[in-house]
């Protein structure tokens, strides 16, 4: 076969196929005509004509493409082959050398970056948790001056003049007075996009200062107590702010993370390595040799924040479901909370017996899902449980209200 003329071979194959299709179609058309199916024969003839036209057009398009010589094709394919193997060859040998040397982004630099990142987040999260507590502990003699931080975006077409700024300041004063009196209307507020709208007082500033001192302590010493303060703040804020809309979503999330946690703990050492390597408040730690060494203890047991926050947002969803039922007791919250405690104790027991890190969700997920579902099956609440939504759509809102009223009547 002549490699230099692939187009000629294509034309020969095309002509053979064309002849075969015409013979087959003519035979079918003839037999159809003999049987009196002239309409079918016409359709087949039209199809043959269309096929012939398409093949002719394809042949014309093929002839317009410039032909490549054997030398050009060899050069192109050879270049692609070389460019494909070069990265693999040099990259493989460089990886051996790079593995022995210190990486550009070593563990120390990554820990430093994470430390700065979690410092700012930890201070804000801790201040958000401690602010109500400090407001009650601080004496009333401290002046409680109110502040309002507002950062908005105005329309680009608006060009502010000194007179406009004066009018705007007067308008803002009047609007803020109306806000304090509770008489603000929609027309009083300009149509602007707000980025930051935060109110705080002197007690909040004091709380922020205290949390900043704790953050500096964490930066300087990386003490486990400071780590736990930040970790607890992250966990509480996570359970508070992260919401699952319905029970089905929560079951799917926990079920997926159930298998995820098992794989990354038992099949690989990724989870354990990350937990031990990165010095960041992504876990809660407590020294096992505290009684012997005091606050300087360094033999830690640890629990990842994911094992707290993920089941926590599901348990919080069950508490909101309890509130929607308007019953005397938060039965589903209580049973799921006790199930979480039992699952966590089972995790600790197995870890102590086998002396090996355990995927906590292996024990927490069946407990946190199974206990409320079993209680719902006993109490007959499975249907309203799976129909409950934090933010129901307009179509489901009326159904949920009717369900809640029915449940209240049953409880009474």
Protein backbone atom coordinates (compact mmCIF):
# COMPACT_ATOMS: atom_id res chain seq x y z
CA UNK A 1 0.00 0.00 0.00
CA UNK A 2 1.32 3.42 -0.96
CA UNK A 3 1.39 5.62 2.17
CA UNK A 4 1.87 8.78 0.10
CA UNK A 5 -1.59 8.53 -1.52
CA UNK A 6 -4.20 7.87 1.19
CA UNK A 7 -6.75 9.99 -0.66
CA UNK A 8 -6.80 7.67 -3.69
CA UNK A 9 -7.52 4.67 -1.46
CA UNK A 10 -10.33 6.62 0.14
CA UNK A 11 -11.86 7.34 -3.25
CA UNK A 12 -11.70 3.65 -4.26
CA UNK A 13 -13.31 2.54 -1.00
CA UNK A 14 -15.95 5.23 -1.39
CA UNK A 15 -16.84 4.13 -4.92
CA UNK A 16 -17.11 0.49 -3.82
CA UNK A 17 -19.40 1.40 -0.91
CA UNK A 18 -21.46 3.62 -3.17
CA UNK A 19 -21.96 0.81 -5.69
CA UNK A 20 -22.88 -1.68 -2.98
CA UNK A 21 -25.47 0.68 -1.45
CA UNK A 22 -27.03 1.38 -4.88
CA UNK A 23 -27.28 -2.34 -5.69
CA UNK A 24 -28.90 -3.13 -2.34
CA UNK A 25 -31.33 -0.26 -2.54
CA UNK A 26 -32.29 -1.08 -6.17
CA UNK A 27 -32.93 -4.70 -5.20
CA UNK A 28 -35.17 -3.66 -2.30
CA UNK A 29 -36.97 -1.13 -4.47
CA UNK A 30 -37.57 -3.71 -7.20
CA UNK A 31 -38.98 -6.23 -4.75
CA UNK A 32 -41.13 -3.55 -3.20
CA UNK A 33 -42.47 -2.56 -6.62
CA UNK A 34 -43.30 -6.16 -7.38
CA UNK A 35 -45.38 -6.34 -4.25
CA UNK A 36 -47.15 -3.07 -5.05
CA UNK A 37 -45.29 -0.90 -2.49
CA UNK A 38 -44.41 1.90 -4.85
CA UNK A 39 -44.35 4.51 -2.10
CA UNK A 40 -41.66 2.64 -0.22
CA UNK A 41 -39.61 2.30 -3.40
CA UNK A 42 -39.75 6.05 -3.97
CA UNK A 43 -38.54 6.68 -0.42
CA UNK A 44 -35.64 4.30 -0.91
CA UNK A 45 -34.69 5.92 -4.21
CA UNK A 46 -34.71 9.35 -2.58
CA UNK A 47 -32.50 8.00 0.20
CA UNK A 48 -30.06 6.62 -2.36
CA UNK A 49 -29.87 9.95 -4.12
CA UNK A 50 -29.25 11.78 -0.88
CA UNK A 51 -26.54 9.28 0.09
CA UNK A 52 -24.85 9.76 -3.27
CA UNK A 53 -24.91 13.52 -2.82
CA UNK A 54 -23.38 13.29 0.67
CA UNK A 55 -20.60 10.97 -0.51
CA UNK A 56 -19.79 13.28 -3.41
CA UNK A 57 -19.61 16.29 -1.07
CA UNK A 58 -17.31 14.40 1.32
CA UNK A 59 -15.02 13.49 -1.56
CA UNK A 60 -14.85 17.12 -2.67
CA UNK A 61 -14.01 18.26 0.87
CA UNK A 62 -11.27 15.63 1.06
CA UNK A 63 -9.71 16.80 -2.19
CA UNK A 64 -9.55 20.42 -0.92
CA UNK A 65 -7.36 19.40 2.07
CA UNK A 66 -3.67 19.78 1.23
CA UNK A 67 -1.87 16.48 0.94
CA UNK A 68 0.98 15.74 3.34
CA UNK A 69 4.19 14.12 2.26
CA UNK A 70 5.62 11.08 3.94
CA UNK A 71 8.47 13.17 5.34
CA UNK A 72 6.07 15.78 6.79
CA UNK A 73 3.88 13.16 8.43
CA UNK A 74 6.92 11.42 9.90
CA UNK A 75 8.21 14.73 11.26
CA UNK A 76 4.82 15.63 12.83
CA UNK A 77 4.23 12.27 14.47
CA UNK A 78 7.82 12.02 15.62
CA UNK A 79 7.65 15.48 17.21
CA UNK A 80 4.47 14.58 19.08
CA UNK A 81 6.09 11.40 20.33
CA UNK A 82 9.19 13.22 21.57
CA UNK A 83 7.16 15.98 23.26
CA UNK A 84 5.08 13.32 25.02
CA UNK A 85 7.98 11.30 26.42
CA UNK A 86 10.25 14.21 27.42
CA UNK A 87 8.12 15.41 30.37
CA UNK A 88 7.71 11.87 31.66
CA UNK A 89 11.43 11.06 31.38
CA UNK A 90 12.85 14.22 32.95
CA UNK A 91 9.97 14.64 35.40
CA UNK A 92 10.43 11.13 36.74
CA UNK A 93 14.16 11.61 37.45
CA UNK A 94 13.62 15.10 38.87
CA UNK A 95 10.96 13.68 41.22
CA UNK A 96 13.56 11.35 42.77
CA UNK A 97 15.88 14.28 43.50
CA UNK A 98 13.04 16.54 44.58
CA UNK A 99 11.73 13.91 46.99
CA UNK A 100 15.06 13.82 48.82
CA UNK A 101 15.45 17.59 49.02
CA UNK A 102 13.37 20.02 51.05
CA UNK A 103 10.32 21.22 49.16
CA UNK A 104 9.81 24.87 48.28
CA UNK A 105 6.62 24.94 50.31
CA UNK A 106 7.79 22.91 53.26
CA UNK A 107 5.63 21.88 56.16
CA UNK A 108 6.95 24.80 58.20
CA UNK A 109 5.84 27.39 55.62
CA UNK A 110 2.44 25.76 55.22
CA UNK A 111 1.97 25.69 58.98
CA UNK A 112 2.98 29.35 59.14
CA UNK A 113 0.42 30.24 56.49
CA UNK A 114 -2.31 28.26 58.22
CA UNK A 115 -1.39 29.79 61.56
CA UNK A 116 -1.90 33.32 60.24
CA UNK A 117 -5.11 32.33 58.51
CA UNK A 118 -6.62 30.64 61.55
CA UNK A 119 -5.39 33.45 63.81
CA UNK A 120 -7.73 35.98 62.21
CA UNK A 121 -10.59 33.53 61.81
CA UNK A 122 -10.12 32.22 65.34
CA UNK A 123 -10.16 35.69 66.91
CA UNK A 124 -13.38 36.60 65.10
CA UNK A 125 -15.03 33.25 65.85
CA UNK A 126 -14.06 33.39 69.53
CA UNK A 127 -15.28 36.99 69.81
CA UNK A 128 -18.59 35.97 68.28
CA UNK A 129 -19.01 33.28 70.94
CA UNK A 130 -17.77 35.23 73.96
CA UNK A 131 -19.43 38.56 73.16
CA UNK A 132 -22.76 37.78 74.93
CA UNK A 133 -20.86 36.41 77.93
CA UNK A 134 -18.58 39.43 78.32
CA UNK A 135 -21.57 41.77 77.92
CA UNK A 136 -23.11 40.18 81.04
CA UNK A 137 -19.88 40.00 83.04
CA UNK A 138 -18.69 43.57 82.46
CA UNK A 139 -20.09 46.18 84.90
CA UNK A 140 -22.71 48.66 83.76
CA UNK A 141 -20.37 51.53 84.65
CA UNK A 142 -18.54 51.00 81.36
CA UNK A 143 -20.06 53.38 78.78
CA UNK A 144 -21.97 51.37 76.22
CA UNK A 145 -21.34 53.50 73.15
CA UNK A 146 -22.87 52.10 69.97
CA UNK A 147 -20.98 51.95 66.66
CA UNK A 148 -22.20 51.11 63.18
CA UNK A 149 -19.84 49.96 60.44
CA UNK A 150 -21.45 50.39 57.01
CA UNK A 151 -19.70 49.73 53.70
CA UNK A 152 -21.85 50.23 50.60
CA UNK A 153 -21.46 50.51 46.85
CA UNK A 154 -23.08 53.47 45.07
CA UNK A 155 -24.21 53.63 41.46
CA UNK A 156 -21.32 54.56 39.15
CA UNK A 157 -23.55 57.03 37.26
CA UNK A 158 -24.01 59.15 40.36
CA UNK A 159 -21.44 61.96 40.58
CA UNK A 160 -21.27 63.42 44.07
CA UNK A 161 -20.85 67.17 44.47
CA UNK A 162 -20.19 68.99 47.77
CA UNK A 163 -23.85 70.03 47.91
CA UNK A 164 -24.95 66.43 47.28
CA UNK A 165 -22.65 65.15 50.03
CA UNK A 166 -24.14 67.68 52.44
CA UNK A 167 -27.67 66.64 51.54
CA UNK A 168 -26.69 62.97 51.76
CA UNK A 169 -25.22 63.42 55.23
CA UNK A 170 -28.40 65.18 56.39
CA UNK A 171 -30.48 62.39 54.87
CA UNK A 172 -28.36 59.72 56.59
CA UNK A 173 -28.82 61.46 59.94
CA UNK A 174 -32.57 61.60 59.49
CA UNK A 175 -32.72 57.99 58.35
CA UNK A 176 -30.63 56.78 61.30
CA UNK A 177 -32.95 58.71 63.67
CA UNK A 178 -35.94 57.06 62.02
CA UNK A 179 -34.26 53.68 62.32
CA UNK A 180 -33.79 54.19 66.03
CA UNK A 181 -37.45 55.19 66.33
CA UNK A 182 -38.57 52.30 64.13
CA UNK A 183 -40.30 54.56 61.55
CA UNK A 184 -38.04 54.04 58.54
CA UNK A 185 -39.78 53.63 55.19
CA UNK A 186 -38.44 52.11 52.01
CA UNK A 187 -38.27 55.49 50.25
CA UNK A 188 -35.97 56.91 52.95
CA UNK A 189 -33.15 54.49 52.13
CA UNK A 190 -31.26 54.81 48.85
CA UNK A 191 -30.94 51.81 46.58
CA UNK A 192 -27.33 50.84 47.29
CA UNK A 193 -25.51 47.53 47.56
CA UNK A 194 -24.30 46.79 51.09
CA UNK A 195 -21.10 44.83 51.65
CA UNK A 196 -20.67 45.31 55.41
CA UNK A 197 -23.41 46.30 57.83
CA UNK A 198 -22.30 45.58 61.38
CA UNK A 199 -23.24 47.17 64.70
CA UNK A 200 -21.15 46.84 67.86
CA UNK A 201 -20.42 48.60 71.14
CA UNK A 202 -17.62 49.15 73.64
CA UNK A 203 -18.16 45.77 75.30
CA UNK A 204 -17.75 44.05 71.94
CA UNK A 205 -14.44 45.89 71.45
CA UNK A 206 -13.24 44.71 74.87
CA UNK A 207 -14.18 41.15 73.98
CA UNK A 208 -12.33 41.47 70.66
CA UNK A 209 -9.24 42.70 72.54
CA UNK A 210 -9.33 39.71 74.89
CA UNK A 211 -9.69 37.31 71.98
CA UNK A 212 -6.78 38.99 70.21
CA UNK A 213 -4.59 38.37 73.27
CA UNK A 214 -5.60 34.70 73.16
CA UNK A 215 -4.75 34.67 69.46
CA UNK A 216 -1.31 36.12 70.12
CA UNK A 217 -0.79 33.46 72.77
CA UNK A 218 -1.65 30.84 70.19
CA UNK A 219 0.77 32.39 67.68
CA UNK A 220 3.60 32.51 70.19
CA UNK A 221 3.26 29.23 72.06
CA UNK A 222 0.88 27.07 69.99
CA UNK A 223 -0.45 25.92 73.32
CA UNK A 224 -3.09 23.22 73.28
CA UNK A 225 -5.48 25.27 75.41
CA UNK A 226 -5.43 28.14 72.90
CA UNK A 227 -5.82 25.61 70.10
CA UNK A 228 -8.89 24.16 71.80
CA UNK A 229 -10.41 27.59 72.40
CA UNK A 230 -10.18 28.36 68.70
CA UNK A 231 -11.33 24.87 67.75
CA UNK A 232 -14.38 25.05 70.00
CA UNK A 233 -15.21 28.48 68.58
CA UNK A 234 -15.00 27.12 65.03
CA UNK A 235 -17.14 24.12 65.93
CA UNK A 236 -19.85 26.16 67.67
CA UNK A 237 -20.00 28.68 64.83
CA UNK A 238 -20.08 25.84 62.30
CA UNK A 239 -23.03 24.11 63.97
CA UNK A 240 -24.76 27.47 64.34
CA UNK A 241 -24.22 28.88 60.85
CA UNK A 242 -24.13 25.77 58.62
CA UNK A 243 -27.65 24.57 57.92
CA UNK A 244 -29.08 21.45 56.34
CA UNK A 245 -32.44 22.21 54.79
CA UNK A 246 -34.04 18.80 55.34
CA UNK A 247 -33.48 15.38 56.86
CA UNK A 248 -32.92 13.66 53.52
CA UNK A 249 -30.00 15.95 52.71
CA UNK A 250 -28.51 15.28 56.13
CA UNK A 251 -28.77 11.51 55.73
CA UNK A 252 -27.13 11.68 52.29
CA UNK A 253 -24.32 13.89 53.62
CA UNK A 254 -23.61 11.68 56.61
CA UNK A 255 -23.85 8.52 54.51
CA UNK A 256 -21.31 9.80 51.98
CA UNK A 257 -18.89 10.97 54.66
CA UNK A 258 -19.31 7.60 56.41
CA UNK A 259 -17.59 5.80 53.52
CA UNK A 260 -15.21 8.72 52.91
CA UNK A 261 -13.89 8.61 56.47
CA UNK A 262 -13.50 4.83 56.46
CA UNK A 263 -11.47 4.87 53.24
CA UNK A 264 -9.08 7.68 54.17
CA UNK A 265 -8.36 6.26 57.63
CA UNK A 266 -8.14 2.53 56.96
CA UNK A 267 -7.05 2.41 53.30
CA UNK A 268 -4.46 5.21 53.54
CA UNK A 269 -2.65 7.19 56.21
CA UNK A 270 -3.65 10.57 54.75
CA UNK A 271 -6.07 11.55 57.51
CA UNK A 272 -3.72 10.63 60.33
CA UNK A 273 -0.75 12.31 58.64
CA UNK A 274 -2.64 15.56 58.05
CA UNK A 275 -4.00 15.60 61.60
CA UNK A 276 -0.54 15.12 63.09
CA UNK A 277 1.44 17.31 60.68
CA UNK A 278 -0.49 20.56 60.42
CA UNK A 279 -0.39 22.78 63.47
CA UNK A 280 -3.76 24.44 63.06
CA UNK A 281 -6.94 24.49 65.18
CA UNK A 282 -8.66 21.98 62.90
CA UNK A 283 -8.84 19.47 65.73
CA UNK A 284 -9.36 19.29 69.46
CA UNK A 285 -6.48 17.86 71.44
CA UNK A 286 -6.05 16.84 75.05
CA UNK A 287 -2.89 15.50 76.69
CA UNK A 288 -2.93 11.97 78.00
CA UNK A 289 -0.03 12.72 80.33
CA UNK A 290 -1.61 15.79 81.91
CA UNK A 291 -1.46 14.30 85.41
CA UNK A 292 2.25 13.59 85.11
CA UNK A 293 3.49 16.71 83.27
CA UNK A 294 0.76 19.25 83.93
CA UNK A 295 0.18 21.95 81.30
CA UNK A 296 3.46 21.04 79.59
CA UNK A 297 2.14 17.61 78.58
CA UNK A 298 2.70 16.62 74.96
CA UNK A 299 1.18 13.16 74.46
CA UNK A 300 -2.11 14.16 72.86
CA UNK A 301 -5.31 12.43 71.93
CA UNK A 302 -7.10 14.26 69.14
CA UNK A 303 -10.52 14.58 67.55
CA UNK A 304 -11.08 16.32 64.20
CA UNK A 305 -13.55 19.19 64.00
CA UNK A 306 -15.31 17.41 61.14
CA UNK A 307 -16.34 14.68 63.55
CA UNK A 308 -18.04 17.38 65.62
CA UNK A 309 -19.47 19.80 63.08
CA UNK A 310 -20.90 17.33 60.54
CA UNK A 311 -22.98 15.31 63.05
CA UNK A 312 -23.63 18.56 64.92
CA UNK A 313 -25.43 20.28 62.05
CA UNK A 314 -27.60 17.17 61.64
CA UNK A 315 -28.46 17.14 65.35
CA UNK A 316 -29.21 20.88 65.19
CA UNK A 317 -31.58 20.18 62.29
CA UNK A 318 -33.39 17.62 64.45
CA UNK A 319 -33.71 20.23 67.21
CA UNK A 320 -35.34 22.65 64.78
CA UNK A 321 -37.64 19.82 63.71
CA UNK A 322 -38.58 19.32 67.36
CA UNK A 323 -39.37 23.03 67.65
CA UNK A 324 -41.58 22.86 64.56
CA UNK A 325 -43.63 20.08 66.17
CA UNK A 326 -44.27 22.36 69.20
CA UNK A 327 -44.20 19.52 71.68
CA UNK A 328 -43.25 19.58 75.32
CA UNK A 329 -39.95 17.74 74.90
CA UNK A 330 -37.24 17.82 72.25
CA UNK A 331 -37.36 14.07 71.81
CA UNK A 332 -35.42 13.79 68.56
CA UNK A 333 -32.70 16.17 69.67
CA UNK A 334 -32.29 14.34 72.97
CA UNK A 335 -32.10 10.87 71.42
CA UNK A 336 -29.68 11.96 68.68
CA UNK A 337 -27.52 13.84 71.19
CA UNK A 338 -27.30 10.80 73.45
CA UNK A 339 -26.58 8.63 70.40
CA UNK A 340 -23.70 10.93 69.46
CA UNK A 341 -22.25 10.59 72.96
CA UNK A 342 -22.58 6.80 72.79
CA UNK A 343 -20.98 6.69 69.33
CA UNK A 344 -18.08 8.86 70.44
CA UNK A 345 -17.51 6.72 73.51
CA UNK A 346 -17.52 3.64 71.26
CA UNK A 347 -14.90 5.28 69.05
CA UNK A 348 -12.66 5.99 72.03
CA UNK A 349 -13.12 2.46 73.37
CA UNK A 350 -12.20 0.80 70.06
CA UNK A 351 -9.25 3.13 69.59
CA UNK A 352 -7.98 2.32 73.08
CA UNK A 353 -8.36 -1.44 72.58
CA UNK A 354 -6.76 -1.71 69.14
CA UNK A 355 -4.23 1.12 69.63
CA UNK A 356 -5.01 2.48 66.16
CA UNK A 357 -6.65 5.64 64.83
CA UNK A 358 -10.35 5.14 64.13
CA UNK A 359 -12.70 6.92 61.70
CA UNK A 360 -15.11 8.47 64.18
CA UNK A 361 -17.89 8.75 61.61
CA UNK A 362 -17.86 4.94 61.33
CA UNK A 363 -19.53 4.90 64.76
CA UNK A 364 -21.19 8.33 64.84
CA UNK A 365 -23.16 8.14 61.58
CA UNK A 366 -25.11 4.93 62.35
CA UNK A 367 -25.83 6.23 65.85
CA UNK A 368 -26.92 9.74 64.82
CA UNK A 369 -29.09 8.53 61.92
CA UNK A 370 -30.37 5.25 63.36
CA UNK A 371 -31.56 6.56 66.73
CA UNK A 372 -33.90 9.35 65.50
CA UNK A 373 -35.20 7.19 62.64
CA UNK A 374 -36.03 4.38 65.07
CA UNK A 375 -37.76 6.84 67.39
CA UNK A 376 -39.68 8.31 64.45
CA UNK A 377 -40.78 4.83 63.42
CA UNK A 378 -42.05 4.13 66.94
CA UNK A 379 -43.83 7.50 67.29
CA UNK A 380 -45.13 7.51 63.71
CA UNK A 381 -43.26 10.70 62.77
CA UNK A 382 -41.26 9.41 59.81
CA UNK A 383 -43.46 11.13 57.22
CA UNK A 384 -43.41 14.61 58.82
CA UNK A 385 -39.71 14.16 59.58
CA UNK A 386 -38.81 13.60 55.94
CA UNK A 387 -41.20 16.33 54.82
CA UNK A 388 -39.74 18.93 57.17
CA UNK A 389 -37.71 21.75 55.63
CA UNK A 390 -36.02 24.71 57.29
CA UNK A 391 -36.94 26.98 54.40
CA UNK A 392 -39.89 25.35 52.65
CA UNK A 393 -41.01 26.45 49.23
CA UNK A 394 -44.37 28.14 48.78
CA UNK A 395 -45.95 24.88 47.61
CA UNK A 396 -44.77 22.90 50.64
CA UNK A 397 -45.37 25.61 53.24
CA UNK A 398 -49.12 25.03 53.51
CA UNK A 399 -48.61 21.25 53.73
CA UNK A 400 -46.09 21.68 56.53
CA UNK A 401 -48.43 23.97 58.49
CA UNK A 402 -51.23 21.42 58.21
CA UNK A 403 -48.89 18.64 59.32
CA UNK A 404 -47.73 20.65 62.34
CA UNK A 405 -51.32 21.37 63.40
CA UNK A 406 -52.20 17.68 63.10
CA UNK A 407 -49.17 16.72 65.22
CA UNK A 408 -50.16 19.24 67.90
CA UNK A 409 -53.64 17.78 68.08
CA UNK A 410 -52.24 14.25 68.40
CA UNK A 411 -49.91 15.34 71.20
CA UNK A 412 -52.78 16.99 73.10
